[in-house]
Protein backbone atom coordinates (compact mmCIF):
# COMPACT_ATOMS: atom_id res chain seq x y z
CA MET A 1 -92.78 8.04 -14.58
CA SER A 2 -89.44 10.34 -15.09
CA ASN A 3 -89.84 14.51 -14.58
CA PRO A 4 -87.62 16.25 -17.33
CA ILE A 5 -86.90 18.85 -15.34
CA VAL A 6 -85.75 16.81 -12.34
CA ASP A 7 -83.66 14.17 -14.89
CA PHE A 8 -81.62 18.25 -16.58
CA PHE A 9 -80.63 18.95 -13.57
CA ARG A 10 -79.31 15.68 -12.14
CA SER A 11 -77.33 15.36 -15.43
CA LEU A 12 -75.99 18.92 -15.28
CA GLY A 13 -75.21 18.07 -11.59
CA GLN A 14 -73.24 15.51 -12.40
CA GLN A 15 -71.43 16.86 -15.13
CA ARG A 16 -70.14 19.72 -12.34
CA VAL A 17 -69.20 17.19 -10.51
CA ASP A 18 -66.82 15.06 -13.47
CA SER A 19 -65.94 18.28 -14.25
CA VAL A 20 -64.75 18.92 -10.77
CA VAL A 21 -62.83 15.77 -10.73
CA SER A 22 -61.01 15.41 -13.32
CA GLY A 23 -59.74 19.41 -12.63
CA VAL A 24 -58.94 17.75 -8.88
CA ASN A 25 -57.46 14.52 -11.35
CA ALA A 26 -55.21 17.13 -14.05
CA LYS A 27 -54.06 19.00 -11.21
CA LYS A 28 -52.68 15.35 -9.25
CA MET A 29 -51.00 14.31 -12.31
CA GLY A 30 -49.47 17.59 -12.76
CA ALA A 31 -48.39 17.77 -9.14
CA ILE A 32 -46.52 13.89 -9.91
CA ALA A 33 -45.45 15.03 -12.67
CA LYS A 34 -43.36 18.61 -11.42
CA ALA A 35 -41.90 16.56 -8.57
CA LYS A 36 -40.67 13.91 -11.24
CA THR A 37 -39.43 16.32 -13.28
CA LYS A 38 -37.31 18.19 -10.20
CA ALA A 39 -36.73 14.80 -8.90
CA ALA A 40 -34.68 14.22 -12.85
CA LYS A 41 -32.81 17.03 -12.57
CA GLU A 42 -31.16 17.09 -9.07
CA PHE A 43 -30.20 12.95 -9.90
CA ASN A 44 -28.80 14.89 -13.10
CA LYS A 45 -26.66 17.35 -11.50
CA ALA A 46 -25.83 14.99 -9.03
CA VAL A 47 -24.06 12.68 -11.70
CA ASP A 48 -22.74 15.86 -13.96
CA ALA A 49 -20.84 17.27 -11.54
CA PRO A 50 -17.55 15.29 -11.25
CA VAL A 51 -18.13 15.33 -15.59
CA LYS A 52 -18.18 19.69 -15.16
CA ALA A 53 -15.74 19.67 -12.36
CA ALA A 54 -13.03 17.53 -14.22
CA LYS A 55 -14.05 19.64 -17.21
CA SER A 56 -13.46 23.00 -15.51
CA ALA A 57 -9.95 21.87 -14.10
CA VAL A 58 -9.04 20.98 -17.59
CA LYS A 59 -9.90 24.18 -19.38
CA GLY A 60 -8.48 25.58 -16.27
CA GLU A 61 -5.37 23.82 -16.99
CA LYS A 62 -5.07 24.60 -20.54
CA LYS A 63 -5.55 27.75 -19.86
CA ASP A 64 -2.83 28.45 -17.35
CA GLN A 65 -0.20 27.03 -19.89
CA PRO A 66 1.43 29.29 -22.30
CA LYS A 67 0.50 29.50 -25.49
CA LYS A 68 4.23 29.43 -28.40
CA GLU A 69 3.83 31.85 -31.13
CA GLY A 70 3.33 29.60 -34.56
CA GLY A 71 0.75 27.28 -32.19
CA ASP A 72 1.57 23.58 -31.37
CA MET A 73 5.39 22.08 -32.80
CA GLY A 74 5.28 18.20 -33.55
CA TRP A 75 8.36 15.75 -34.80
CA PHE A 76 7.07 16.10 -38.33
CA GLY A 77 5.70 19.82 -38.88
CA LYS A 78 2.96 22.18 -37.70
CA LYS A 79 -0.30 20.62 -36.37
CA LYS A 80 -3.05 20.62 -38.32
CA ALA A 81 -6.37 21.79 -37.87
CA GLU A 82 -8.99 19.44 -36.31
CA PRO A 83 -12.67 19.52 -38.10
CA ALA A 84 -14.88 21.05 -36.12
CA SER A 85 -16.73 17.52 -34.62
CA GLN A 86 -13.64 16.12 -33.77
CA GLN A 87 -12.18 18.81 -32.22
CA GLN A 88 -15.57 19.92 -29.99
CA GLU A 89 -15.44 15.42 -28.94
CA ALA A 90 -11.98 15.87 -27.84
CA GLU A 91 -12.71 18.82 -25.34
CA GLU A 92 -15.63 16.67 -24.48
CA PHE A 93 -13.53 13.70 -23.30
CA GLY A 94 -11.52 15.60 -21.18
CA GLY A 95 -8.98 17.05 -24.55
CA ALA A 96 -6.84 16.08 -27.13
CA GLU A 97 -3.96 13.07 -26.82
CA LYS A 98 -0.79 15.17 -28.34
CA THR A 99 2.56 13.14 -28.21
CA VAL A 100 5.20 14.26 -26.37
CA ALA A 101 8.96 14.07 -26.34
CA ILE A 102 10.72 12.36 -24.05
CA ASP A 103 13.97 12.67 -23.34
CA LEU A 104 15.37 9.87 -21.89
CA ASN A 105 18.72 10.52 -21.12
CA ALA A 106 17.95 13.70 -18.97
CA ILE A 107 16.42 11.01 -16.75
CA ASN A 108 19.17 9.18 -17.08
CA ARG A 109 20.97 12.15 -15.48
CA GLY A 110 19.05 12.60 -12.73
CA THR A 111 18.77 8.91 -11.16
CA PHE A 112 22.02 7.48 -12.84
CA LYS A 113 24.35 7.25 -10.04
CA PRO A 114 28.45 5.81 -10.84
CA VAL A 115 29.84 2.09 -9.50
CA VAL A 116 33.30 2.95 -7.29
CA GLY A 117 32.89 -0.10 -5.98
CA TRP A 118 31.92 -3.64 -4.48
CA VAL A 119 32.50 -6.24 -2.33
CA VAL A 120 32.98 -10.38 -2.95
CA VAL A 121 30.76 -12.05 -0.03
CA LEU A 122 33.18 -14.83 1.45
CA SER A 123 31.94 -17.17 2.76
CA GLY A 124 28.12 -17.65 4.34
CA GLU A 125 25.09 -18.72 1.31
CA LEU A 126 26.04 -16.27 -0.58
CA ARG A 127 29.52 -16.48 -1.16
CA GLY A 128 31.18 -15.14 -4.74
CA ARG A 129 28.12 -13.18 -4.86
CA ASP A 130 29.32 -9.11 -6.16
CA PHE A 131 28.00 -6.18 -4.66
CA ARG A 132 28.32 -3.21 -6.69
CA LEU A 133 29.15 0.23 -4.66
CA VAL A 134 27.29 3.48 -5.81
CA ASP A 135 28.71 7.54 -5.27
CA GLY A 136 26.56 8.01 -1.80
CA LYS A 137 24.80 5.95 0.39
CA ASN A 138 25.12 1.76 1.02
CA THR A 139 23.37 0.37 3.34
CA MET A 140 23.79 -3.29 3.81
CA GLY A 141 22.08 -5.86 6.49
CA THR A 142 19.02 -8.10 5.86
CA ALA A 143 15.67 -5.88 5.02
CA ALA A 144 14.32 -5.91 1.60
CA ASP A 145 15.10 -2.04 1.16
CA CYS A 146 19.10 -2.48 1.84
CA ASP A 147 21.31 -1.94 -0.71
CA VAL A 148 23.39 -4.82 -0.11
CA VAL A 149 20.96 -7.75 1.13
CA LEU A 150 22.66 -10.19 2.88
CA THR A 151 21.16 -13.66 3.98
CA ASP A 152 22.58 -14.30 7.96
CA PRO A 153 20.54 -15.20 11.19
CA TYR A 154 23.63 -12.98 12.25
CA LEU A 155 22.85 -9.32 11.04
CA SER A 156 20.63 -6.67 11.78
CA SER A 157 18.14 -5.33 9.52
CA LYS A 158 19.61 -2.39 8.06
CA HIS A 159 23.60 -3.65 9.79
CA ALA A 160 26.02 -1.05 8.29
CA VAL A 161 26.51 0.98 5.54
CA ILE A 162 29.11 1.82 3.51
CA ARG A 163 29.94 6.15 2.41
CA HIS A 164 32.08 7.44 -0.67
CA GLU A 165 32.48 11.07 -0.29
CA ASN A 166 34.57 12.86 -2.34
CA GLY A 167 36.58 9.95 -3.02
CA THR A 168 36.62 8.80 0.99
CA PHE A 169 35.09 5.22 1.74
CA THR A 170 33.98 5.07 5.25
CA LEU A 171 31.90 1.53 6.94
CA SER A 172 29.94 2.95 9.34
CA ASP A 173 27.87 0.42 11.85
CA LEU A 174 24.63 1.54 12.66
CA ASP A 175 24.24 -0.09 16.41
CA SER A 176 24.00 -3.28 15.13
CA THR A 177 23.49 -6.40 17.73
CA ASN A 178 26.93 -8.03 16.71
CA GLY A 179 28.97 -5.49 15.60
CA SER A 180 31.11 -4.83 11.70
CA PHE A 181 34.97 -5.46 11.70
CA VAL A 182 37.40 -4.26 8.97
CA ASN A 183 40.45 -7.35 9.13
CA GLU A 184 38.78 -8.37 12.16
CA ARG A 185 38.97 -5.46 14.38
CA ARG A 186 35.73 -3.44 15.25
CA ILE A 187 35.01 -0.42 14.83
CA THR A 188 31.72 1.90 14.42
CA ARG A 189 33.01 4.22 12.25
CA TYR A 190 35.82 3.41 9.84
CA ASP A 191 37.71 4.64 6.92
CA ILE A 192 38.24 1.56 4.23
CA ILE A 193 40.77 1.10 1.21
CA ASP A 194 41.15 -1.24 -1.28
CA ASN A 195 41.29 -5.07 -0.48
CA ASP A 196 40.17 -4.37 3.72
CA LYS A 197 38.41 -7.15 5.22
CA VAL A 198 34.76 -6.60 5.85
CA ARG A 199 32.78 -8.99 8.65
CA LEU A 200 29.08 -8.50 10.01
CA GLY A 201 27.91 -10.80 11.82
CA ARG A 202 29.31 -14.09 9.72
CA THR A 203 29.44 -12.65 6.51
CA GLU A 204 32.78 -12.09 5.53
CA LEU A 205 33.39 -9.56 2.66
CA LYS A 206 36.35 -8.30 0.68
CA PHE A 207 36.29 -4.64 -0.20
CA LYS A 208 37.17 -3.55 -3.61
CA SER A 209 37.32 -0.20 -5.16
CA LEU A 210 37.59 1.36 -7.96
CA GLU A 211 39.44 4.91 -7.14
């Protein structure tokens, strides 16, 4: 037969044990949750860092640009103010797109070199082919980056160069293996004139000047 007093203290003791166990489990779950939250923050921080850096760089470039009086002007008049939502979206993605006018004439003036003459191939696989010569340096040889690319096994990759400076054309040999010739005379450096015949390796060329 059970004793009510004993049962009471036994129940009380069990309740305390259960309370302690619940408290321990709660602390354990809290520690786990904190650890997960911290790990998530560190991960988000690592992922967001490059994006924030890019945004900061873009904002810094915008601050450094001088402001024009009257705001930005497009080709067709004053730029209209964008809605707040569009402005915020544009800032998040590195700024709004702008139409930029490109002066093609200025680009061409910076890269264009006038043609001052040409050479015509008289022999070999490229017979009849003509190559334009521009003001300044014109490299000749078998290398793909030469200005005048010739297919002759007796030519060096960078065989010779024709320079045009102050109205004068000068042919210079670039220490080639088989030499450079003008009117059948081997040269190291020679001022050429209209209708001179040039031979590089076994390739004969006729030089023509526009001056």
